[in-house]
Amino acid sequence: MSEPSTVVVVNPITCEGHGMCAELFPEWISLDDWGYPVIDPRPVPEHLMKHARRAVEACPTLALLLRPSQGGTPGSRS
């Protein structure tokens, strides 16, 4: 059995819109008109995990997280 997929998520309460995540991981994160992250909901491919971890570690408010994928459809909320 393969390892679980990982997704990047943001805590909208703690995020202050610094934008470092989009600078460090532009392949997966863009910024909206107000400077807050818009994150690709798909699981992060293994070859991009190093970049994802770097963006998560650099978040000044610890709002960016890596979580196991729930296996739902992209964009769906639980």
C-alpha atoms as a PDB file:
ATOM      1  CA  MET A   1       0.000   0.000   0.000  1.00  0.00           C
ATOM      2  CA  SER A   2       1.334   3.486  -0.858  1.00  0.00           C
ATOM      3  CA  GLU A   3       1.965   6.285   1.627  1.00  0.00           C
ATOM      4  CA  PRO A   4      -0.936   8.664   2.302  1.00  0.00           C
ATOM      5  CA  SER A   5      -1.059  11.773   0.152  1.00  0.00           C
ATOM      6  CA  THR A   6      -0.332  15.133   1.730  1.00  0.00           C
ATOM      7  CA  VAL A   7      -2.126  18.414   1.139  1.00  0.00           C
ATOM      8  CA  VAL A   8      -1.216  21.971   2.110  1.00  0.00           C
ATOM      9  CA  VAL A   9      -3.845  23.784   4.158  1.00  0.00           C
ATOM     10  CA  VAL A  10      -4.019  27.245   5.672  1.00  0.00           C
ATOM     11  CA  ASN A  11      -5.592  28.291   8.956  1.00  0.00           C
ATOM     12  CA  PRO A  12      -7.495  31.418   7.878  1.00  0.00           C
ATOM     13  CA  ILE A  13      -7.733  32.673  11.453  1.00  0.00           C
ATOM     14  CA  THR A  14      -3.985  32.817  12.062  1.00  0.00           C
ATOM     15  CA  CYS A  15      -2.955  33.805   8.521  1.00  0.00           C
ATOM     16  CA  GLU A  16      -2.026  37.487   8.264  1.00  0.00           C
ATOM     17  CA  GLY A  17      -1.327  37.516   4.531  1.00  0.00           C
ATOM     18  CA  HIS A  18       2.452  37.938   4.618  1.00  0.00           C
ATOM     19  CA  GLY A  19       2.685  36.054   1.296  1.00  0.00           C
ATOM     20  CA  MET A  20       5.916  34.186   2.034  1.00  0.00           C
ATOM     21  CA  CYS A  21       4.237  30.876   1.223  1.00  0.00           C
ATOM     22  CA  ALA A  22       3.467  31.972  -2.338  1.00  0.00           C
ATOM     23  CA  GLU A  23       7.022  33.233  -2.800  1.00  0.00           C
ATOM     24  CA  LEU A  24       8.485  29.943  -1.591  1.00  0.00           C
ATOM     25  CA  PHE A  25       5.985  27.563  -3.216  1.00  0.00           C
ATOM     26  CA  PRO A  26       4.497  29.317  -6.275  1.00  0.00           C
ATOM     27  CA  GLU A  27       3.835  25.956  -7.937  1.00  0.00           C
ATOM     28  CA  TRP A  28       1.039  25.346  -5.413  1.00  0.00           C
ATOM     29  CA  ILE A  29       0.157  28.655  -3.753  1.00  0.00           C
ATOM     30  CA  SER A  30      -0.991  31.931  -5.259  1.00  0.00           C
ATOM     31  CA  LEU A  31      -2.286  35.058  -3.541  1.00  0.00           C
ATOM     32  CA  ASP A  32      -5.742  36.552  -3.766  1.00  0.00           C
ATOM     33  CA  ASP A  33      -6.409  40.283  -4.259  1.00  0.00           C
ATOM     34  CA  TRP A  34      -5.855  40.921  -0.529  1.00  0.00           C
ATOM     35  CA  GLY A  35      -2.583  38.964  -0.287  1.00  0.00           C
ATOM     36  CA  TYR A  36      -3.997  35.814   1.305  1.00  0.00           C
ATOM     37  CA  PRO A  37      -3.015  32.366   0.028  1.00  0.00           C
ATOM     38  CA  VAL A  38      -5.070  30.400  -2.467  1.00  0.00           C
ATOM     39  CA  ILE A  39      -3.855  26.826  -2.216  1.00  0.00           C
ATOM     40  CA  ASP A  40      -4.161  24.081  -4.790  1.00  0.00           C
ATOM     41  CA  PRO A  41      -6.365  21.482  -3.034  1.00  0.00           C
ATOM     42  CA  ARG A  42      -4.756  18.477  -4.733  1.00  0.00           C
ATOM     43  CA  PRO A  43      -2.221  16.297  -2.907  1.00  0.00           C
ATOM     44  CA  VAL A  44       1.326  17.616  -3.253  1.00  0.00           C
ATOM     45  CA  PRO A  45       3.455  15.420  -5.535  1.00  0.00           C
ATOM     46  CA  GLU A  46       6.457  13.850  -3.835  1.00  0.00           C
ATOM     47  CA  HIS A  47       8.907  15.820  -6.001  1.00  0.00           C
ATOM     48  CA  LEU A  48       7.470  19.095  -4.604  1.00  0.00           C
ATOM     49  CA  MET A  49       7.307  18.089  -0.927  1.00  0.00           C
ATOM     50  CA  LYS A  50      10.644  19.750  -0.149  1.00  0.00           C
ATOM     51  CA  HIS A  51       9.205  23.067  -1.362  1.00  0.00           C
ATOM     52  CA  ALA A  52       5.972  22.523   0.564  1.00  0.00           C
ATOM     53  CA  ARG A  53       7.860  21.831   3.799  1.00  0.00           C
ATOM     54  CA  ARG A  54      10.019  24.916   3.296  1.00  0.00           C
ATOM     55  CA  ALA A  55       6.935  27.129   2.844  1.00  0.00           C
ATOM     56  CA  VAL A  56       5.257  25.642   5.937  1.00  0.00           C
ATOM     57  CA  GLU A  57       8.379  26.134   8.057  1.00  0.00           C
ATOM     58  CA  ALA A  58       8.800  29.745   6.907  1.00  0.00           C
ATOM     59  CA  CYS A  59       5.250  30.880   7.740  1.00  0.00           C
ATOM     60  CA  PRO A  60       5.674  33.616  10.383  1.00  0.00           C
ATOM     61  CA  THR A  61       2.260  32.931  11.947  1.00  0.00           C
ATOM     62  CA  LEU A  62       2.383  29.111  11.646  1.00  0.00           C
ATOM     63  CA  ALA A  63      -0.822  29.275   9.589  1.00  0.00           C
ATOM     64  CA  LEU A  64       0.359  26.927   6.842  1.00  0.00           C
ATOM     65  CA  LEU A  65       0.161  23.189   7.528  1.00  0.00           C
ATOM     66  CA  LEU A  66       0.777  19.848   5.862  1.00  0.00           C
ATOM     67  CA  ARG A  67      -1.999  17.337   6.453  1.00  0.00           C
ATOM     68  CA  PRO A  68      -2.779  13.841   5.207  1.00  0.00           C
ATOM     69  CA  SER A  69      -5.257  13.965   2.343  1.00  0.00           C
ATOM     70  CA  GLN A  70      -8.789  12.933   3.257  1.00  0.00           C
ATOM     71  CA  GLY A  71      -9.333  11.444  -0.184  1.00  0.00           C
ATOM     72  CA  GLY A  72     -12.303  13.692  -0.946  1.00  0.00           C
ATOM     73  CA  THR A  73     -12.831  15.578  -4.156  1.00  0.00           C
ATOM     74  CA  PRO A  74     -10.651  18.662  -4.631  1.00  0.00           C
ATOM     75  CA  GLY A  75     -12.252  21.750  -3.180  1.00  0.00           C
ATOM     76  CA  SER A  76     -14.749  19.822  -1.057  1.00  0.00           C
ATOM     77  CA  ARG A  77     -15.079  20.653   2.623  1.00  0.00           C
ATOM     78  CA  SER A  78     -15.781  18.246   5.436  1.00  0.00           C
END
